[in-house]
Amino acid sequence: MTRVLVIEDNRDLAFAVVSALESEGFEVAVAETGPEGVEKAQAGSAEVIILDLMLPGFDGFRVLRTLRANAVETPILILTAKGEEEDKVKGFRLGADDYVTKPFGAMELVARVEALTRRPRLAKARAAAPVDRFGEVEVNRAARIVERAGEPVALTPKEYDLLVALMNRSGVVTTRNELLAEVWGYLPGVSTRTVDIHVSELRKKLEKNPAEPRHILTLRKTGYRFEP
């Protein structure tokens, strides 16, 4: 069960937040002041913190500053007032991970919290998993993350699956029909340029010079070969 800490002094709002999260299976604790929030956050049990910026004791900005200064890396979602752009910017600069503008819908809040819970798990998977490398590209299969020169590359699901299929046959020619069957589930004999189009997109995203690829090579009238 994912644990969430809500730092909010408005009891009606806190009740609404707790109700929305608990209905989705989260375990929720509440702190009503800045100092109490810092104390509970530093205890380390929360996996996500929802933080209002207007708090008694000291405000949410000081809570943020204190937690990040003390190496608390728990994802923090701040609650901001409508139209307060400066609060959002200041919050991000102090280490907030996301924000929701009041008033907000329960499902929006739940979706943002769910997204934040995935980040630490993704980071752990990324750190633990072996990484395939070719040229400037790194592929973390466990986390389905692809980077080029240290920057994330946004591949579609099929582009990613095609890349992995080619990598699995490194140095071996793979026909279009074989790729269509493995990646798309097509039956033999299907005629389509789907593979060629996806290969073209992969080259644009991963090759230094897509017009003269070094890693995803075309074998005329046959198929493709991956060269790391």
C-alpha atoms as a PDB file:
ATOM      1  CA  MET A   1       0.000   0.000   0.000  1.00  0.00           C
ATOM      2  CA  THR A   2       1.457   3.362  -1.039  1.00  0.00           C
ATOM      3  CA  ARG A   3       1.861   5.821   1.831  1.00  0.00           C
ATOM      4  CA  VAL A   4       1.080   9.514   1.296  1.00  0.00           C
ATOM      5  CA  LEU A   5       1.690  12.401   3.693  1.00  0.00           C
ATOM      6  CA  VAL A   6      -0.694  15.352   3.335  1.00  0.00           C
ATOM      7  CA  ILE A   7       0.579  18.612   4.874  1.00  0.00           C
ATOM      8  CA  GLU A   8      -2.527  20.792   4.969  1.00  0.00           C
ATOM      9  CA  ASP A   9      -4.048  22.968   7.719  1.00  0.00           C
ATOM     10  CA  ASN A  10      -7.488  23.331   6.115  1.00  0.00           C
ATOM     11  CA  ARG A  11      -9.305  20.379   7.646  1.00  0.00           C
ATOM     12  CA  ASP A  12     -12.081  20.333   5.054  1.00  0.00           C
ATOM     13  CA  LEU A  13      -9.592  20.227   2.204  1.00  0.00           C
ATOM     14  CA  ALA A  14      -7.431  17.680   4.016  1.00  0.00           C
ATOM     15  CA  PHE A  15     -10.492  15.478   4.554  1.00  0.00           C
ATOM     16  CA  ALA A  16     -11.371  15.654   0.858  1.00  0.00           C
ATOM     17  CA  VAL A  17      -7.815  14.759  -0.160  1.00  0.00           C
ATOM     18  CA  VAL A  18      -7.611  11.887   2.327  1.00  0.00           C
ATOM     19  CA  SER A  19     -10.981  10.527   1.205  1.00  0.00           C
ATOM     20  CA  ALA A  20      -9.995  10.633  -2.479  1.00  0.00           C
ATOM     21  CA  LEU A  21      -6.691   8.861  -1.873  1.00  0.00           C
ATOM     22  CA  GLU A  22      -7.995   6.251   0.551  1.00  0.00           C
ATOM     23  CA  SER A  23     -10.776   5.346  -1.883  1.00  0.00           C
ATOM     24  CA  GLU A  24      -8.016   4.434  -4.357  1.00  0.00           C
ATOM     25  CA  GLY A  25      -6.117   2.296  -1.872  1.00  0.00           C
ATOM     26  CA  PHE A  26      -3.532   4.746  -0.542  1.00  0.00           C
ATOM     27  CA  GLU A  27      -2.539   4.904   3.123  1.00  0.00           C
ATOM     28  CA  VAL A  28      -2.676   8.567   4.196  1.00  0.00           C
ATOM     29  CA  ALA A  29      -1.248  10.531   7.140  1.00  0.00           C
ATOM     30  CA  VAL A  30      -1.937  14.225   7.795  1.00  0.00           C
ATOM     31  CA  ALA A  31       0.141  17.049   9.276  1.00  0.00           C
ATOM     32  CA  GLU A  32      -1.477  20.426   9.957  1.00  0.00           C
ATOM     33  CA  THR A  33       1.557  22.691  10.427  1.00  0.00           C
ATOM     34  CA  GLY A  34       4.907  23.272   8.748  1.00  0.00           C
ATOM     35  CA  PRO A  35       6.994  21.915  11.657  1.00  0.00           C
ATOM     36  CA  GLU A  36       4.768  18.841  12.026  1.00  0.00           C
ATOM     37  CA  GLY A  37       5.010  18.237   8.301  1.00  0.00           C
ATOM     38  CA  VAL A  38       8.805  18.360   8.363  1.00  0.00           C
ATOM     39  CA  GLU A  39       8.913  15.982  11.332  1.00  0.00           C
ATOM     40  CA  LYS A  40       6.643  13.406   9.691  1.00  0.00           C
ATOM     41  CA  ALA A  41       8.329  13.735   6.304  1.00  0.00           C
ATOM     42  CA  GLN A  42      11.770  13.180   7.829  1.00  0.00           C
ATOM     43  CA  ALA A  43      10.504  10.028   9.510  1.00  0.00           C
ATOM     44  CA  GLY A  44      10.763   8.585   6.020  1.00  0.00           C
ATOM     45  CA  SER A  45       7.603   6.492   5.786  1.00  0.00           C
ATOM     46  CA  ALA A  46       5.824   8.546   3.101  1.00  0.00           C
ATOM     47  CA  GLU A  47       6.362   7.711  -0.564  1.00  0.00           C
ATOM     48  CA  VAL A  48       4.686  10.925  -1.778  1.00  0.00           C
ATOM     49  CA  ILE A  49       4.113  14.234   0.017  1.00  0.00           C
ATOM     50  CA  ILE A  50       1.224  16.575  -0.806  1.00  0.00           C
ATOM     51  CA  LEU A  51       2.153  20.030   0.449  1.00  0.00           C
ATOM     52  CA  ASP A  52       0.034  23.157   0.788  1.00  0.00           C
ATOM     53  CA  LEU A  53       2.067  26.338   0.587  1.00  0.00           C
ATOM     54  CA  MET A  54       0.059  28.310   3.156  1.00  0.00           C
ATOM     55  CA  LEU A  55       0.690  26.709   6.546  1.00  0.00           C
ATOM     56  CA  PRO A  56       0.885  27.790  10.195  1.00  0.00           C
ATOM     57  CA  GLY A  57       4.243  27.549  11.952  1.00  0.00           C
ATOM     58  CA  PHE A  58       6.113  28.182   8.735  1.00  0.00           C
ATOM     59  CA  ASP A  59       4.998  28.031   5.150  1.00  0.00           C
ATOM     60  CA  GLY A  60       5.295  25.306   2.530  1.00  0.00           C
ATOM     61  CA  PHE A  61       8.309  26.920   0.887  1.00  0.00           C
ATOM     62  CA  ARG A  62      10.267  26.546   4.118  1.00  0.00           C
ATOM     63  CA  VAL A  63       9.061  22.950   4.400  1.00  0.00           C
ATOM     64  CA  LEU A  64      10.362  22.295   0.884  1.00  0.00           C
ATOM     65  CA  ARG A  65      13.664  24.032   1.548  1.00  0.00           C
ATOM     66  CA  THR A  66      14.173  22.169   4.823  1.00  0.00           C
ATOM     67  CA  LEU A  67      13.382  18.740   3.435  1.00  0.00           C
ATOM     68  CA  ARG A  68      15.600  19.073   0.396  1.00  0.00           C
ATOM     69  CA  ALA A  69      18.436  20.535   2.484  1.00  0.00           C
ATOM     70  CA  ASN A  70      18.189  17.470   4.728  1.00  0.00           C
ATOM     71  CA  ALA A  71      18.369  15.107   1.733  1.00  0.00           C
ATOM     72  CA  VAL A  72      14.729  14.019   1.867  1.00  0.00           C
ATOM     73  CA  GLU A  73      14.138  12.903  -1.736  1.00  0.00           C
ATOM     74  CA  THR A  74      10.468  11.911  -1.427  1.00  0.00           C
ATOM     75  CA  PRO A  75       8.464  13.252  -4.417  1.00  0.00           C
ATOM     76  CA  ILE A  76       6.542  16.391  -3.409  1.00  0.00           C
ATOM     77  CA  LEU A  77       3.317  17.640  -4.991  1.00  0.00           C
ATOM     78  CA  ILE A  78       2.519  21.242  -4.058  1.00  0.00           C
ATOM     79  CA  LEU A  79      -0.954  22.758  -3.878  1.00  0.00           C
ATOM     80  CA  THR A  80      -1.010  26.249  -5.379  1.00  0.00           C
ATOM     81  CA  ALA A  81      -3.658  28.950  -5.669  1.00  0.00           C
ATOM     82  CA  LYS A  82      -5.161  29.630  -9.077  1.00  0.00           C
ATOM     83  CA  GLY A  83      -3.096  32.135 -11.055  1.00  0.00           C
ATOM     84  CA  GLU A  84      -0.101  32.101  -8.695  1.00  0.00           C
ATOM     85  CA  GLU A  85       2.535  31.403 -11.333  1.00  0.00           C
ATOM     86  CA  GLU A  86       5.329  32.667  -9.089  1.00  0.00           C
ATOM     87  CA  ASP A  87       4.460  30.061  -6.452  1.00  0.00           C
ATOM     88  CA  LYS A  88       4.821  27.268  -8.988  1.00  0.00           C
ATOM     89  CA  VAL A  89       8.177  28.539 -10.215  1.00  0.00           C
ATOM     90  CA  LYS A  90       9.513  29.064  -6.691  1.00  0.00           C
ATOM     91  CA  GLY A  91       8.253  25.639  -5.670  1.00  0.00           C
ATOM     92  CA  PHE A  92      10.052  23.924  -8.551  1.00  0.00           C
ATOM     93  CA  ARG A  93      13.249  25.820  -7.776  1.00  0.00           C
ATOM     94  CA  LEU A  94      13.090  24.610  -4.179  1.00  0.00           C
ATOM     95  CA  GLY A  95      12.659  21.011  -5.245  1.00  0.00           C
ATOM     96  CA  ALA A  96       8.949  20.322  -5.837  1.00  0.00           C
ATOM     97  CA  ASP A  97       8.200  17.582  -8.359  1.00  0.00           C
ATOM     98  CA  ASP A  98       4.713  18.589  -9.487  1.00  0.00           C
ATOM     99  CA  TYR A  99       1.795  20.858  -8.604  1.00  0.00           C
ATOM    100  CA  VAL A 100      -1.990  20.952  -8.591  1.00  0.00           C
ATOM    101  CA  THR A 101      -3.903  24.219  -8.735  1.00  0.00           C
ATOM    102  CA  LYS A 102      -6.790  24.730  -6.288  1.00  0.00           C
ATOM    103  CA  PRO A 103      -9.612  24.025  -6.777  1.00  0.00           C
ATOM    104  CA  PHE A 104      -8.792  20.625  -8.258  1.00  0.00           C
ATOM    105  CA  GLY A 105     -10.658  17.424  -9.049  1.00  0.00           C
ATOM    106  CA  ALA A 106     -10.169  14.301  -6.975  1.00  0.00           C
ATOM    107  CA  MET A 107      -9.240  12.160  -9.979  1.00  0.00           C
ATOM    108  CA  GLU A 108      -6.654  14.687 -11.168  1.00  0.00           C
ATOM    109  CA  LEU A 109      -5.016  14.619  -7.745  1.00  0.00           C
ATOM    110  CA  VAL A 110      -5.008  10.819  -7.634  1.00  0.00           C
ATOM    111  CA  ALA A 111      -3.497  10.648 -11.132  1.00  0.00           C
ATOM    112  CA  ARG A 112      -0.710  13.074 -10.190  1.00  0.00           C
ATOM    113  CA  VAL A 113       0.088  11.091  -7.035  1.00  0.00           C
ATOM    114  CA  GLU A 114       0.148   7.818  -8.968  1.00  0.00           C
ATOM    115  CA  ALA A 115       2.550   9.356 -11.481  1.00  0.00           C
ATOM    116  CA  LEU A 116       4.868  10.458  -8.682  1.00  0.00           C
ATOM    117  CA  THR A 117       4.866   7.013  -7.076  1.00  0.00           C
ATOM    118  CA  ARG A 118       6.191   5.551 -10.316  1.00  0.00           C
ATOM    119  CA  ARG A 119       9.249   7.808 -10.479  1.00  0.00           C
ATOM    120  CA  PRO A 120      11.287   6.299  -7.615  1.00  0.00           C
ATOM    121  CA  ARG A 121      10.445   2.775  -8.784  1.00  0.00           C
ATOM    122  CA  LEU A 122      11.525   3.657 -12.303  1.00  0.00           C
ATOM    123  CA  ALA A 123      14.773   5.138 -10.988  1.00  0.00           C
ATOM    124  CA  LYS A 124      15.496   1.985  -8.967  1.00  0.00           C
ATOM    125  CA  ALA A 125      14.796  -0.234 -11.953  1.00  0.00           C
ATOM    126  CA  ARG A 126      16.974   1.950 -14.103  1.00  0.00           C
ATOM    127  CA  ALA A 127      19.875   1.796 -11.637  1.00  0.00           C
ATOM    128  CA  ALA A 128      19.641  -1.968 -11.149  1.00  0.00           C
ATOM    129  CA  ALA A 129      19.055  -3.122 -14.695  1.00  0.00           C
ATOM    130  CA  PRO A 130      21.814  -3.903 -17.193  1.00  0.00           C
ATOM    131  CA  VAL A 131      22.113  -1.368 -19.986  1.00  0.00           C
ATOM    132  CA  ASP A 132      22.730  -2.061 -23.679  1.00  0.00           C
ATOM    133  CA  ARG A 133      24.919   0.508 -25.411  1.00  0.00           C
ATOM    134  CA  PHE A 134      25.660   1.346 -29.020  1.00  0.00           C
ATOM    135  CA  GLY A 135      27.130   4.595 -30.244  1.00  0.00           C
ATOM    136  CA  GLU A 136      25.643   7.381 -28.103  1.00  0.00           C
ATOM    137  CA  VAL A 137      22.598   5.275 -27.234  1.00  0.00           C
ATOM    138  CA  GLU A 138      21.787   3.457 -23.987  1.00  0.00           C
ATOM    139  CA  VAL A 139      18.830   1.071 -23.692  1.00  0.00           C
ATOM    140  CA  ASN A 140      17.558   0.016 -20.280  1.00  0.00           C
ATOM    141  CA  ARG A 141      15.250  -2.874 -21.080  1.00  0.00           C
ATOM    142  CA  ALA A 142      13.862  -3.373 -17.575  1.00  0.00           C
ATOM    143  CA  ALA A 143      12.657   0.227 -17.426  1.00  0.00           C
ATOM    144  CA  ARG A 144      12.022   0.575 -21.197  1.00  0.00           C
ATOM    145  CA  ILE A 145      14.161   3.721 -21.195  1.00  0.00           C
ATOM    146  CA  VAL A 146      16.217   4.837 -24.196  1.00  0.00           C
ATOM    147  CA  GLU A 147      18.721   7.689 -24.001  1.00  0.00           C
ATOM    148  CA  ARG A 148      20.994   9.275 -26.550  1.00  0.00           C
ATOM    149  CA  ALA A 149      23.997  11.280 -25.334  1.00  0.00           C
ATOM    150  CA  GLY A 150      22.420  11.306 -21.886  1.00  0.00           C
ATOM    151  CA  GLU A 151      19.083  12.706 -23.059  1.00  0.00           C
ATOM    152  CA  PRO A 152      15.818  10.715 -23.035  1.00  0.00           C
ATOM    153  CA  VAL A 153      14.549   9.586 -26.425  1.00  0.00           C
ATOM    154  CA  ALA A 154      10.773   9.391 -26.825  1.00  0.00           C
ATOM    155  CA  LEU A 155      10.084   6.150 -28.692  1.00  0.00           C
ATOM    156  CA  THR A 156       6.596   4.883 -29.389  1.00  0.00           C
ATOM    157  CA  PRO A 157       5.862   1.392 -27.981  1.00  0.00           C
ATOM    158  CA  LYS A 158       6.243  -0.202 -31.415  1.00  0.00           C
ATOM    159  CA  GLU A 159       9.456   1.703 -32.151  1.00  0.00           C
ATOM    160  CA  TYR A 160      10.873   0.414 -28.884  1.00  0.00           C
ATOM    161  CA  ASP A 161       9.748  -3.166 -29.560  1.00  0.00           C
ATOM    162  CA  LEU A 162      11.228  -3.010 -33.047  1.00  0.00           C
ATOM    163  CA  LEU A 163      14.540  -1.734 -31.698  1.00  0.00           C
ATOM    164  CA  VAL A 164      14.725  -4.569 -29.163  1.00  0.00           C
ATOM    165  CA  ALA A 165      13.814  -7.145 -31.819  1.00  0.00           C
ATOM    166  CA  LEU A 166      16.689  -5.909 -33.999  1.00  0.00           C
ATOM    167  CA  MET A 167      19.101  -5.790 -31.047  1.00  0.00           C
ATOM    168  CA  ASN A 168      18.205  -9.370 -30.138  1.00  0.00           C
ATOM    169  CA  ARG A 169      19.458 -10.389 -33.586  1.00  0.00           C
ATOM    170  CA  SER A 170      22.624  -8.312 -33.510  1.00  0.00           C
ATOM    171  CA  GLY A 171      24.740  -8.950 -36.591  1.00  0.00           C
ATOM    172  CA  VAL A 172      22.079 -11.130 -38.212  1.00  0.00           C
ATOM    173  CA  VAL A 173      19.845 -10.185 -41.138  1.00  0.00           C
ATOM    174  CA  THR A 174      16.171 -10.058 -40.137  1.00  0.00           C
ATOM    175  CA  THR A 175      13.493 -10.059 -42.819  1.00  0.00           C
ATOM    176  CA  ARG A 176      10.550  -7.677 -42.830  1.00  0.00           C
ATOM    177  CA  ASN A 177       8.164 -10.618 -42.450  1.00  0.00           C
ATOM    178  CA  GLU A 178       9.999 -11.813 -39.347  1.00  0.00           C
ATOM    179  CA  LEU A 179       9.760  -8.350 -37.806  1.00  0.00           C
ATOM    180  CA  LEU A 180       6.106  -7.980 -38.773  1.00  0.00           C
ATOM    181  CA  ALA A 181       5.314 -11.282 -37.102  1.00  0.00           C
ATOM    182  CA  GLU A 182       7.275 -10.624 -33.909  1.00  0.00           C
ATOM    183  CA  VAL A 183       6.512  -6.947 -33.317  1.00  0.00           C
ATOM    184  CA  TRP A 184       3.077  -6.546 -34.886  1.00  0.00           C
ATOM    185  CA  GLY A 185       1.747 -10.100 -34.816  1.00  0.00           C
ATOM    186  CA  TYR A 186       1.043 -10.120 -38.563  1.00  0.00           C
ATOM    187  CA  LEU A 187       0.536 -13.394 -40.395  1.00  0.00           C
ATOM    188  CA  PRO A 188       2.959 -14.392 -43.194  1.00  0.00           C
ATOM    189  CA  GLY A 189       2.278 -12.817 -46.558  1.00  0.00           C
ATOM    190  CA  VAL A 190       1.075  -9.442 -45.286  1.00  0.00           C
ATOM    191  CA  SER A 191       2.362  -6.639 -47.506  1.00  0.00           C
ATOM    192  CA  THR A 192       2.963  -3.330 -45.721  1.00  0.00           C
ATOM    193  CA  ARG A 193       5.639  -0.670 -45.348  1.00  0.00           C
ATOM    194  CA  THR A 194       5.110  -0.488 -41.581  1.00  0.00           C
ATOM    195  CA  VAL A 195       8.581  -1.825 -40.785  1.00  0.00           C
ATOM    196  CA  ASP A 196      10.303   0.594 -43.172  1.00  0.00           C
ATOM    197  CA  ILE A 197       8.448   3.588 -41.735  1.00  0.00           C
ATOM    198  CA  HIS A 198       9.306   2.628 -38.156  1.00  0.00           C
ATOM    199  CA  VAL A 199      12.945   1.980 -39.060  1.00  0.00           C
ATOM    200  CA  SER A 200      13.095   5.443 -40.629  1.00  0.00           C
ATOM    201  CA  GLU A 201      11.792   6.971 -37.394  1.00  0.00           C
ATOM    202  CA  LEU A 202      14.271   5.004 -35.298  1.00  0.00           C
ATOM    203  CA  ARG A 203      17.138   6.254 -37.431  1.00  0.00           C
ATOM    204  CA  LYS A 204      15.994   9.867 -37.056  1.00  0.00           C
ATOM    205  CA  LYS A 205      15.951   9.483 -33.289  1.00  0.00           C
ATOM    206  CA  LEU A 206      19.024   7.316 -32.712  1.00  0.00           C
ATOM    207  CA  GLU A 207      21.515   7.695 -35.567  1.00  0.00           C
ATOM    208  CA  LYS A 208      23.959  10.588 -35.831  1.00  0.00           C
ATOM    209  CA  ASN A 209      23.360  10.693 -39.566  1.00  0.00           C
ATOM    210  CA  PRO A 210      20.042   9.014 -40.465  1.00  0.00           C
ATOM    211  CA  ALA A 211      20.909   9.178 -44.171  1.00  0.00           C
ATOM    212  CA  GLU A 212      24.042   7.093 -43.527  1.00  0.00           C
ATOM    213  CA  PRO A 213      23.119   4.860 -40.577  1.00  0.00           C
ATOM    214  CA  ARG A 214      25.796   2.967 -38.670  1.00  0.00           C
ATOM    215  CA  HIS A 215      23.621   0.768 -36.475  1.00  0.00           C
ATOM    216  CA  ILE A 216      20.327  -0.032 -38.222  1.00  0.00           C
ATOM    217  CA  LEU A 217      21.380  -1.149 -41.684  1.00  0.00           C
ATOM    218  CA  THR A 218      19.245  -2.005 -44.718  1.00  0.00           C
ATOM    219  CA  LEU A 219      19.898  -5.164 -46.704  1.00  0.00           C
ATOM    220  CA  ARG A 220      18.351  -4.461 -50.107  1.00  0.00           C
ATOM    221  CA  LYS A 221      15.307  -6.644 -50.908  1.00  0.00           C
ATOM    222  CA  THR A 222      15.942  -8.643 -47.740  1.00  0.00           C
ATOM    223  CA  GLY A 223      15.489  -6.758 -44.461  1.00  0.00           C
ATOM    224  CA  TYR A 224      17.582  -5.136 -41.753  1.00  0.00           C
ATOM    225  CA  ARG A 225      20.654  -5.866 -39.659  1.00  0.00           C
ATOM    226  CA  PHE A 226      21.549  -4.290 -36.323  1.00  0.00           C
ATOM    227  CA  GLU A 227      25.231  -3.474 -35.762  1.00  0.00           C
ATOM    228  CA  PRO A 228      26.173  -2.228 -32.283  1.00  0.00           C
END
